[in-house]
């Protein structure tokens, strides 16, 4: 799930000869670090101390990633199983107004024997007033109103449970979909914004060993309307005054982050359609700012490049978590398809094509990926591609007592960020919300 920024940091940049010198130095540092990683191989990984830890030749304690409390799915070759597509014959939810653009809605209403302008009326009720209650739609003919609304605005989400924390500023919702699949979303109030973390899939096929969502694998992709319905439901909660702060005129979700359940770019077509519904002007859509929508990925390189050509300037966030292939192969199984440098190249291309600075998400895990040399390597790899194009968001992992997956110490967090900043890389430690209700990064498991 998305975490939020504590305080802005100062960016640095270079020009002319200075930038060229910095680029050459960065390239040399990358080459040196890459050679060291290759020479180490998996040095220390077999020197177990009971917690899956060993020593690198440089003396760093190195904890190895592993699945805990569950069995990681493997393919026939013994590699972590990756699911880029849902199973065949998956049942699809009923068609909803939000699955279509305005032209498609008008055509659908005509097929139902209704005038085309009904599409605009119904869109206004759902996207602007956040309701599917026929009683609130007095501009529709009373005769047949309930049947029409039930047809084009079918119920997509059933609330199973909500949990509240952070003194009422954070609400986690558990939703049941039409086929019984479960997903979660998290609503968070901040002083100057309201953020909703949405799910794009039921489950996840990326099989990362530290993420609760991926433990059961991928159930299915969510439809466009199922994604958008999470935002509409959150806006209903805000309008009803159920989020801390009470009811305020015209208040609604201002920021959406695709950092809930699922890999958004593995459900590309429906996620992009959902983004369009959010940014389209009212009443066609929600009239949100594309710059306040963040789409994340663990590194599906072809889809990242496709996103750059989409023409919608959303913020792109790369969930990196390790700058070296040696470790990232174990932490992020998709790294077996597209390596760190390939993912960073695609992220930099996104910046070049859109002008939008990329977020690099980095969960800080004690003695696993928080070593000072990894901060240096990350900075060198970013600077090799230019300056000012990426902002690193280190996120202390949500601690689990006795687990190999636990948060870095405050001292290690400070040193990691210090090294990034000293190298001219902007970095901001993120403030995790929803930890007490399993609503924070990597905790969304959708359990009844």
Protein backbone atom coordinates (compact mmCIF):
# COMPACT_ATOMS: atom_id res chain seq x y z
CA UNK A 1 0.00 0.00 0.00
CA UNK A 2 1.08 3.56 -0.60
CA UNK A 3 2.95 5.50 2.05
CA UNK A 4 3.04 9.26 2.22
CA UNK A 5 5.73 11.90 2.21
CA UNK A 6 6.94 13.46 5.44
CA UNK A 7 8.86 16.45 4.15
CA UNK A 8 10.30 17.59 0.83
CA UNK A 9 14.02 17.30 0.19
CA UNK A 10 16.24 19.55 -1.89
CA UNK A 11 17.09 18.33 -5.39
CA UNK A 12 20.46 18.85 -6.99
CA UNK A 13 21.40 19.07 -10.65
CA UNK A 14 24.44 19.62 -12.84
CA UNK A 15 25.11 21.13 -16.21
CA UNK A 16 27.85 21.29 -18.82
CA UNK A 17 31.28 19.82 -18.05
CA UNK A 18 30.36 19.22 -14.43
CA UNK A 19 27.45 17.03 -15.46
CA UNK A 20 29.63 15.12 -17.93
CA UNK A 21 32.27 14.52 -15.26
CA UNK A 22 29.61 13.40 -12.78
CA UNK A 23 28.18 11.03 -15.39
CA UNK A 24 31.60 9.47 -16.05
CA UNK A 25 32.25 9.08 -12.32
CA UNK A 26 28.83 7.53 -11.84
CA UNK A 27 29.44 5.11 -14.69
CA UNK A 28 32.79 4.11 -13.20
CA UNK A 29 31.17 3.58 -9.79
CA UNK A 30 28.43 1.44 -11.32
CA UNK A 31 31.03 -0.68 -13.11
CA UNK A 32 33.05 -1.11 -9.92
CA UNK A 33 30.01 -2.03 -7.81
CA UNK A 34 28.71 -4.39 -10.49
CA UNK A 35 32.08 -6.18 -10.60
CA UNK A 36 32.08 -6.55 -6.83
CA UNK A 37 28.58 -8.04 -6.86
CA UNK A 38 29.53 -10.48 -9.60
CA UNK A 39 32.68 -11.51 -7.73
CA UNK A 40 30.74 -12.07 -4.55
CA UNK A 41 28.23 -14.28 -6.36
CA UNK A 42 26.21 -15.56 -3.45
CA UNK A 43 29.03 -15.27 -1.00
CA UNK A 44 27.89 -15.81 2.57
CA UNK A 45 24.46 -17.11 1.61
CA UNK A 46 25.32 -20.60 2.76
CA UNK A 47 26.99 -19.51 5.97
CA UNK A 48 23.76 -19.63 7.92
CA UNK A 49 23.38 -18.32 11.45
CA UNK A 50 19.86 -19.64 11.97
CA UNK A 51 18.21 -16.51 10.56
CA UNK A 52 19.23 -16.99 6.95
CA UNK A 53 22.15 -14.61 7.32
CA UNK A 54 25.79 -14.74 6.30
CA UNK A 55 28.65 -12.34 5.69
CA UNK A 56 29.77 -10.57 2.57
CA UNK A 57 33.54 -10.38 2.08
CA UNK A 58 33.34 -6.70 3.04
CA UNK A 59 32.00 -7.75 6.46
CA UNK A 60 28.35 -6.74 6.04
CA UNK A 61 25.81 -9.02 7.65
CA UNK A 62 23.59 -10.28 4.83
CA UNK A 63 20.13 -11.73 5.50
CA UNK A 64 18.76 -13.72 2.59
CA UNK A 65 15.14 -13.34 1.46
CA UNK A 66 12.80 -16.24 2.15
CA UNK A 67 9.07 -16.92 2.33
CA UNK A 68 7.85 -17.22 5.92
CA UNK A 69 4.65 -18.91 7.06
CA UNK A 70 3.64 -19.94 3.55
CA UNK A 71 4.94 -21.96 0.63
CA UNK A 72 6.08 -19.89 -2.32
CA UNK A 73 4.65 -21.23 -5.58
CA UNK A 74 7.31 -22.58 -7.96
CA UNK A 75 7.35 -23.55 -11.62
CA UNK A 76 8.63 -26.89 -12.91
CA UNK A 77 12.19 -25.57 -12.97
CA UNK A 78 11.97 -24.62 -9.29
CA UNK A 79 11.84 -20.89 -9.92
CA UNK A 80 9.24 -18.63 -8.24
CA UNK A 81 6.08 -18.82 -10.33
CA UNK A 82 5.10 -15.67 -12.21
CA UNK A 83 1.50 -15.12 -13.37
CA UNK A 84 1.15 -12.35 -15.93
CA UNK A 85 -2.40 -13.30 -16.94
CA UNK A 86 -5.43 -14.59 -15.12
CA UNK A 87 -6.71 -18.12 -15.55
CA UNK A 88 -8.86 -18.93 -18.56
CA UNK A 89 -12.64 -19.00 -18.13
CA UNK A 90 -12.57 -16.43 -15.33
CA UNK A 91 -16.06 -15.09 -14.78
CA UNK A 92 -16.36 -11.40 -15.65
CA UNK A 93 -18.45 -8.97 -13.59
CA UNK A 94 -21.57 -7.49 -15.17
CA UNK A 95 -20.97 -4.58 -17.52
CA UNK A 96 -21.10 -1.23 -15.78
CA UNK A 97 -21.36 2.32 -17.04
CA UNK A 98 -17.78 2.97 -15.89
CA UNK A 99 -16.42 0.21 -18.14
CA UNK A 100 -17.18 2.45 -21.13
CA UNK A 101 -16.23 5.93 -22.24
CA UNK A 102 -19.04 8.44 -22.79
CA UNK A 103 -19.52 7.50 -26.44
CA UNK A 104 -19.76 3.84 -25.47
CA UNK A 105 -22.28 4.65 -22.75
CA UNK A 106 -24.49 6.53 -25.18
CA UNK A 107 -24.43 3.63 -27.62
CA UNK A 108 -25.30 1.21 -24.83
CA UNK A 109 -28.24 3.33 -23.66
CA UNK A 110 -29.55 3.45 -27.23
CA UNK A 111 -29.37 -0.35 -27.37
CA UNK A 112 -31.48 -0.38 -24.21
CA UNK A 113 -34.09 1.80 -25.88
CA UNK A 114 -33.10 4.97 -24.01
CA UNK A 115 -32.14 8.37 -25.40
CA UNK A 116 -28.39 8.97 -25.54
CA UNK A 117 -28.53 11.87 -23.07
CA UNK A 118 -29.44 9.41 -20.33
CA UNK A 119 -25.78 8.39 -20.36
CA UNK A 120 -24.77 11.88 -19.25
CA UNK A 121 -27.44 11.96 -16.54
CA UNK A 122 -26.42 8.58 -15.14
CA UNK A 123 -22.74 9.47 -15.35
CA UNK A 124 -23.35 12.60 -13.31
CA UNK A 125 -25.09 10.65 -10.56
CA UNK A 126 -22.28 8.10 -10.26
CA UNK A 127 -19.11 10.08 -10.98
CA UNK A 128 -20.16 13.40 -9.44
CA UNK A 129 -22.72 12.55 -6.76
CA UNK A 130 -21.26 9.07 -6.02
CA UNK A 131 -24.62 7.35 -5.88
CA UNK A 132 -26.41 4.48 -7.57
CA UNK A 133 -29.62 4.96 -5.60
CA UNK A 134 -32.57 5.31 -8.03
CA UNK A 135 -34.45 7.37 -5.46
CA UNK A 136 -31.81 10.11 -5.79
CA UNK A 137 -32.25 10.29 -9.59
CA UNK A 138 -35.37 12.41 -9.94
CA UNK A 139 -34.28 13.56 -13.40
CA UNK A 140 -34.97 10.06 -14.73
CA UNK A 141 -38.52 8.91 -15.56
CA UNK A 142 -40.01 7.18 -12.56
CA UNK A 143 -41.40 4.36 -14.68
CA UNK A 144 -38.61 1.85 -15.26
CA UNK A 145 -36.05 3.90 -13.33
CA UNK A 146 -35.06 1.14 -10.91
CA UNK A 147 -34.68 -1.41 -13.69
CA UNK A 148 -32.54 0.95 -15.77
CA UNK A 149 -30.25 1.82 -12.85
CA UNK A 150 -29.87 -1.83 -11.89
CA UNK A 151 -28.89 -2.60 -15.49
CA UNK A 152 -26.23 0.08 -16.04
CA UNK A 153 -25.05 0.68 -12.46
CA UNK A 154 -24.93 -2.84 -10.99
CA UNK A 155 -23.46 -3.24 -7.51
CA UNK A 156 -19.82 -4.26 -7.83
CA UNK A 157 -18.48 -4.03 -4.26
CA UNK A 158 -19.99 -5.35 -1.06
CA UNK A 159 -18.36 -4.06 2.10
CA UNK A 160 -17.35 -6.95 4.34
CA UNK A 161 -15.40 -5.04 6.98
CA UNK A 162 -13.72 -1.75 7.69
CA UNK A 163 -10.93 -1.10 10.17
CA UNK A 164 -9.97 2.34 11.44
CA UNK A 165 -6.63 3.53 12.82
CA UNK A 166 -4.36 6.61 13.04
CA UNK A 167 -6.95 8.34 15.25
CA UNK A 168 -9.56 8.00 12.55
CA UNK A 169 -7.43 9.31 9.66
CA UNK A 170 -7.02 5.87 8.03
CA UNK A 171 -9.72 3.39 7.02
CA UNK A 172 -9.06 -0.01 5.45
CA UNK A 173 -11.97 -1.56 3.53
CA UNK A 174 -12.41 -5.23 2.72
CA UNK A 175 -14.62 -5.67 -0.35
CA UNK A 176 -16.28 -8.79 -1.71
CA UNK A 177 -16.70 -8.84 -5.48
CA UNK A 178 -19.57 -10.43 -7.40
CA UNK A 179 -17.80 -13.81 -7.60
CA UNK A 180 -16.70 -13.90 -3.97
CA UNK A 181 -13.17 -12.65 -4.61
CA UNK A 182 -11.84 -10.30 -1.92
CA UNK A 183 -9.85 -7.09 -2.32
CA UNK A 184 -8.87 -4.22 -0.06
CA UNK A 185 -8.44 -0.47 -0.37
CA UNK A 186 -7.14 2.07 2.14
CA UNK A 187 -8.37 5.65 2.61
CA UNK A 188 -6.07 8.17 4.29
CA UNK A 189 -6.63 11.79 5.30
CA UNK A 190 -3.68 14.18 5.37
CA UNK A 191 -3.69 17.91 6.14
CA UNK A 192 -3.78 18.92 2.48
CA UNK A 193 -5.09 15.87 0.64
CA UNK A 194 -7.10 12.64 0.85
CA UNK A 195 -5.39 9.62 -0.64
CA UNK A 196 -6.93 6.31 -1.64
CA UNK A 197 -4.79 3.23 -2.21
CA UNK A 198 -6.67 1.05 -4.69
CA UNK A 199 -6.35 -2.58 -5.76
CA UNK A 200 -6.11 -3.54 -9.43
CA UNK A 201 -6.20 -7.33 -9.06
CA UNK A 202 -7.60 -9.90 -6.67
CA UNK A 203 -4.36 -11.41 -5.42
CA UNK A 204 -1.11 -10.93 -7.32
CA UNK A 205 0.98 -13.07 -9.63
CA UNK A 206 4.38 -11.48 -8.95
CA UNK A 207 5.12 -13.85 -6.02
CA UNK A 208 7.37 -11.51 -4.00
CA UNK A 209 8.25 -13.36 -0.76
CA UNK A 210 7.81 -10.33 1.54
CA UNK A 211 4.33 -9.35 0.29
CA UNK A 212 1.17 -10.78 1.86
CA UNK A 213 -0.88 -10.13 -1.28
CA UNK A 214 1.15 -12.47 -3.44
CA UNK A 215 0.97 -15.48 -1.14
CA UNK A 216 -2.17 -16.91 -2.75
CA UNK A 217 -1.19 -15.99 -6.30
CA UNK A 218 -3.44 -14.26 -8.82
CA UNK A 219 -7.19 -14.89 -8.68
CA UNK A 220 -8.21 -12.47 -11.44
CA UNK A 221 -7.89 -8.97 -12.81
CA UNK A 222 -10.37 -6.38 -11.66
CA UNK A 223 -12.57 -4.73 -14.25
CA UNK A 224 -12.28 -1.03 -14.99
CA UNK A 225 -15.49 -0.36 -13.10
CA UNK A 226 -14.41 -2.44 -10.09
CA UNK A 227 -11.30 -0.27 -9.80
CA UNK A 228 -13.20 2.99 -10.17
CA UNK A 229 -15.92 1.78 -7.77
CA UNK A 230 -13.33 1.83 -4.97
CA UNK A 231 -12.91 5.57 -5.50
CA UNK A 232 -16.67 6.16 -5.70
CA UNK A 233 -17.21 4.20 -2.48
CA UNK A 234 -14.49 6.20 -0.73
CA UNK A 235 -16.10 9.44 -1.89
CA UNK A 236 -19.42 8.24 -0.45
CA UNK A 237 -17.73 7.61 2.90
CA UNK A 238 -16.19 11.09 2.84
CA UNK A 239 -19.50 12.71 1.88
CA UNK A 240 -21.23 10.90 4.75
CA UNK A 241 -18.69 12.33 7.21
CA UNK A 242 -17.30 8.90 8.15
CA UNK A 243 -13.65 9.88 7.71
CA UNK A 244 -12.13 11.84 10.58
CA UNK A 245 -12.82 15.52 10.18
CA UNK A 246 -16.51 15.14 9.50
CA UNK A 247 -18.43 16.17 6.43
CA UNK A 248 -17.03 19.05 4.42
CA UNK A 249 -18.56 20.62 1.34
CA UNK A 250 -17.36 19.14 -1.95
CA UNK A 251 -14.57 17.17 -0.27
CA UNK A 252 -13.47 14.00 -2.06
CA UNK A 253 -10.48 11.80 -2.84
CA UNK A 254 -7.72 13.99 -4.28
CA UNK A 255 -4.96 11.41 -4.79
CA UNK A 256 -5.12 7.81 -6.00
CA UNK A 257 -2.23 5.37 -5.75
CA UNK A 258 -2.27 2.00 -7.51
CA UNK A 259 -0.32 0.37 -4.70
CA UNK A 260 -2.96 -1.93 -3.26
CA UNK A 261 -3.41 -5.55 -4.25
CA UNK A 262 -2.00 -6.66 -7.58
CA UNK A 263 0.55 -5.57 -10.17
CA UNK A 264 -1.20 -2.70 -12.00
CA UNK A 265 0.73 -3.07 -15.27
CA UNK A 266 -0.21 -6.77 -15.47
CA UNK A 267 -3.82 -5.53 -15.81
CA UNK A 268 -2.77 -2.75 -18.15
CA UNK A 269 -5.84 -2.18 -20.31
CA UNK A 270 -8.31 -1.93 -17.44
CA UNK A 271 -6.00 0.13 -15.22
CA UNK A 272 -5.46 2.71 -17.97
CA UNK A 273 -9.19 2.83 -18.66
CA UNK A 274 -9.78 3.42 -14.94
CA UNK A 275 -7.23 6.26 -14.99
CA UNK A 276 -9.15 7.85 -17.87
CA UNK A 277 -12.40 7.64 -15.88
CA UNK A 278 -10.67 9.42 -13.01
CA UNK A 279 -9.19 12.23 -15.09
CA UNK A 280 -11.98 12.74 -17.65
CA UNK A 281 -13.95 15.95 -17.02
CA UNK A 282 -17.21 15.74 -15.13
CA UNK A 283 -19.72 14.28 -15.71
CA UNK A 284 -17.88 11.94 -18.10
CA UNK A 285 -15.44 11.15 -15.29
CA UNK A 286 -14.19 12.41 -11.94
CA UNK A 287 -12.13 15.36 -13.18
CA UNK A 288 -9.10 14.44 -11.08
CA UNK A 289 -5.56 15.60 -11.87
CA UNK A 290 -3.45 12.95 -13.60
CA UNK A 291 -0.47 14.29 -11.66
CA UNK A 292 -2.16 13.16 -8.46
CA UNK A 293 -2.51 9.58 -9.65
CA UNK A 294 0.41 7.20 -9.10
CA UNK A 295 0.76 3.93 -11.01
CA UNK A 296 3.36 1.52 -9.61
CA UNK A 297 5.11 -1.54 -10.99
CA UNK A 298 7.70 -4.07 -9.85
CA UNK A 299 9.33 -3.69 -13.26
CA UNK A 300 7.29 -4.96 -16.22
CA UNK A 301 9.53 -3.21 -18.72
CA UNK A 302 7.40 -3.43 -21.92
CA UNK A 303 4.36 -2.12 -20.03
CA UNK A 304 6.38 0.76 -18.52
CA UNK A 305 7.38 1.83 -22.01
CA UNK A 306 3.77 1.52 -23.16
CA UNK A 307 2.66 3.70 -20.24
CA UNK A 308 5.13 6.38 -21.32
CA UNK A 309 3.38 6.59 -24.70
CA UNK A 310 -0.12 6.72 -23.20
CA UNK A 311 -0.34 10.52 -23.10
CA UNK A 312 -1.66 10.66 -19.52
CA UNK A 313 0.94 12.29 -17.21
CA UNK A 314 0.44 10.11 -14.15
CA UNK A 315 3.28 9.65 -11.67
CA UNK A 316 5.14 6.40 -12.26
CA UNK A 317 6.62 4.54 -9.28
CA UNK A 318 9.13 1.72 -9.69
CA UNK A 319 9.17 -0.71 -6.77
CA UNK A 320 12.90 -1.44 -6.88
CA UNK A 321 13.92 -2.53 -3.34
CA UNK A 322 17.45 -3.59 -4.40
CA UNK A 323 19.96 -2.01 -6.81
CA UNK A 324 21.84 -5.27 -7.54
CA UNK A 325 20.52 -8.24 -9.48
CA UNK A 326 22.04 -10.68 -6.99
CA UNK A 327 19.58 -9.65 -4.28
CA UNK A 328 16.69 -8.44 -6.43
CA UNK A 329 16.46 -11.82 -8.18
CA UNK A 330 15.45 -13.25 -4.79
CA UNK A 331 13.30 -10.35 -3.56
CA UNK A 332 11.42 -9.56 -6.78
CA UNK A 333 11.01 -12.70 -8.93
CA UNK A 334 10.14 -10.67 -12.05
CA UNK A 335 13.78 -9.56 -12.00
CA UNK A 336 14.48 -12.91 -13.66
CA UNK A 337 12.76 -11.44 -16.76
CA UNK A 338 13.91 -7.82 -16.65
CA UNK A 339 17.01 -6.91 -14.67
CA UNK A 340 17.62 -3.81 -12.56
CA UNK A 341 19.29 -1.85 -15.36
CA UNK A 342 16.48 -2.68 -17.80
CA UNK A 343 13.85 -1.49 -15.30
CA UNK A 344 15.78 1.71 -14.59
CA UNK A 345 16.26 2.36 -18.31
CA UNK A 346 12.50 2.04 -18.85
CA UNK A 347 11.78 4.32 -15.88
CA UNK A 348 14.19 6.92 -17.24
CA UNK A 349 12.51 6.71 -20.65
CA UNK A 350 9.22 7.43 -18.89
CA UNK A 351 10.76 10.60 -17.44
CA UNK A 352 12.17 11.66 -20.81
CA UNK A 353 8.88 11.18 -22.67
CA UNK A 354 6.53 12.63 -20.06
CA UNK A 355 8.67 15.12 -18.11
CA UNK A 356 7.30 13.51 -14.95
CA UNK A 357 9.83 12.68 -12.25
CA UNK A 358 9.84 8.97 -11.35
CA UNK A 359 9.46 7.65 -7.82
CA UNK A 360 11.81 4.84 -6.80
CA UNK A 361 10.18 2.86 -4.00
CA UNK A 362 12.66 1.12 -1.68
CA UNK A 363 11.51 -0.88 1.35
CA UNK A 364 14.32 -0.71 3.90
CA UNK A 365 14.80 -4.19 5.39
CA UNK A 366 17.27 -4.74 8.19
CA UNK A 367 20.55 -6.37 7.13
CA UNK A 368 19.00 -7.38 3.81
CA UNK A 369 19.02 -4.37 1.49
CA UNK A 370 19.88 -1.41 3.74
CA UNK A 371 23.69 -1.63 3.50
CA UNK A 372 25.51 1.66 2.85
CA UNK A 373 27.17 0.24 -0.26
CA UNK A 374 23.73 -0.47 -1.72
CA UNK A 375 22.77 3.18 -1.21
CA UNK A 376 25.96 4.13 -3.07
CA UNK A 377 25.18 1.68 -5.87
CA UNK A 378 21.60 2.93 -6.19
CA UNK A 379 22.78 6.55 -6.37
CA UNK A 380 25.43 5.67 -8.96
CA UNK A 381 22.94 3.86 -11.16
CA UNK A 382 20.46 6.74 -11.01
CA UNK A 383 23.13 9.36 -11.69
CA UNK A 384 24.48 7.33 -14.60
CA UNK A 385 21.18 8.08 -16.35
CA UNK A 386 21.04 11.77 -15.43
CA UNK A 387 20.22 14.03 -12.51
CA UNK A 388 16.90 15.14 -11.07
CA UNK A 389 14.83 12.53 -12.92
CA UNK A 390 14.08 10.28 -9.96
CA UNK A 391 13.09 10.68 -6.32
CA UNK A 392 13.87 7.80 -3.98
CA UNK A 393 11.29 6.91 -1.36
CA UNK A 394 12.86 4.69 1.32
CA UNK A 395 10.10 3.01 3.31
CA UNK A 396 10.87 1.26 6.63
CA UNK A 397 9.36 -2.19 6.23
CA UNK A 398 6.55 -2.99 8.62
CA UNK A 399 8.27 -5.00 11.35
CA UNK A 400 7.32 -8.55 12.27
CA UNK A 401 8.86 -9.88 15.50
CA UNK A 402 11.31 -12.70 14.87
CA UNK A 403 11.07 -12.43 11.08
CA UNK A 404 13.92 -11.95 8.61
CA UNK A 405 11.67 -9.25 7.13
CA UNK A 406 11.91 -6.39 9.60
CA UNK A 407 12.50 -2.66 9.43
CA UNK A 408 15.97 -1.16 9.27
CA UNK A 409 17.22 0.58 12.39
CA UNK A 410 16.74 4.36 12.50
CA UNK A 411 20.52 4.76 12.24
CA UNK A 412 20.63 2.61 9.09
CA UNK A 413 17.72 4.58 7.61
CA UNK A 414 19.50 7.87 8.22
CA UNK A 415 22.77 6.60 6.76
CA UNK A 416 21.05 5.23 3.65
CA UNK A 417 19.36 8.57 2.97
CA UNK A 418 22.53 10.54 3.80
CA UNK A 419 24.49 8.64 1.18
CA UNK A 420 21.82 9.18 -1.45
CA UNK A 421 21.65 12.91 -0.74
CA UNK A 422 25.43 13.27 -0.68
CA UNK A 423 25.43 11.78 -4.17
CA UNK A 424 22.90 14.37 -5.31
CA UNK A 425 19.87 12.06 -5.31
CA UNK A 426 16.64 13.41 -3.82
CA UNK A 427 15.27 11.10 -1.12
CA UNK A 428 12.44 11.26 1.39
CA UNK A 429 11.73 8.79 4.17
CA UNK A 430 8.08 7.82 3.90
CA UNK A 431 5.58 7.76 6.73
CA UNK A 432 3.76 4.43 6.79
CA UNK A 433 0.03 4.47 7.51
CA UNK A 434 -2.27 1.63 8.57
CA UNK A 435 0.32 -0.67 10.13
CA UNK A 436 -1.89 -1.57 13.11
CA UNK A 437 -4.69 -2.80 10.82
CA UNK A 438 -2.49 -4.61 8.28
CA UNK A 439 -3.13 -1.81 5.83
CA UNK A 440 0.44 -0.74 5.17
CA UNK A 441 3.05 -1.73 2.57
CA UNK A 442 2.94 -5.41 1.74
CA UNK A 443 0.24 -6.18 4.32
CA UNK A 444 -2.93 -6.36 2.19
CA UNK A 445 -4.04 -9.98 2.32
CA UNK A 446 -7.85 -9.63 1.99
CA UNK A 447 -8.78 -12.15 4.65
CA UNK A 448 -12.34 -12.48 5.95
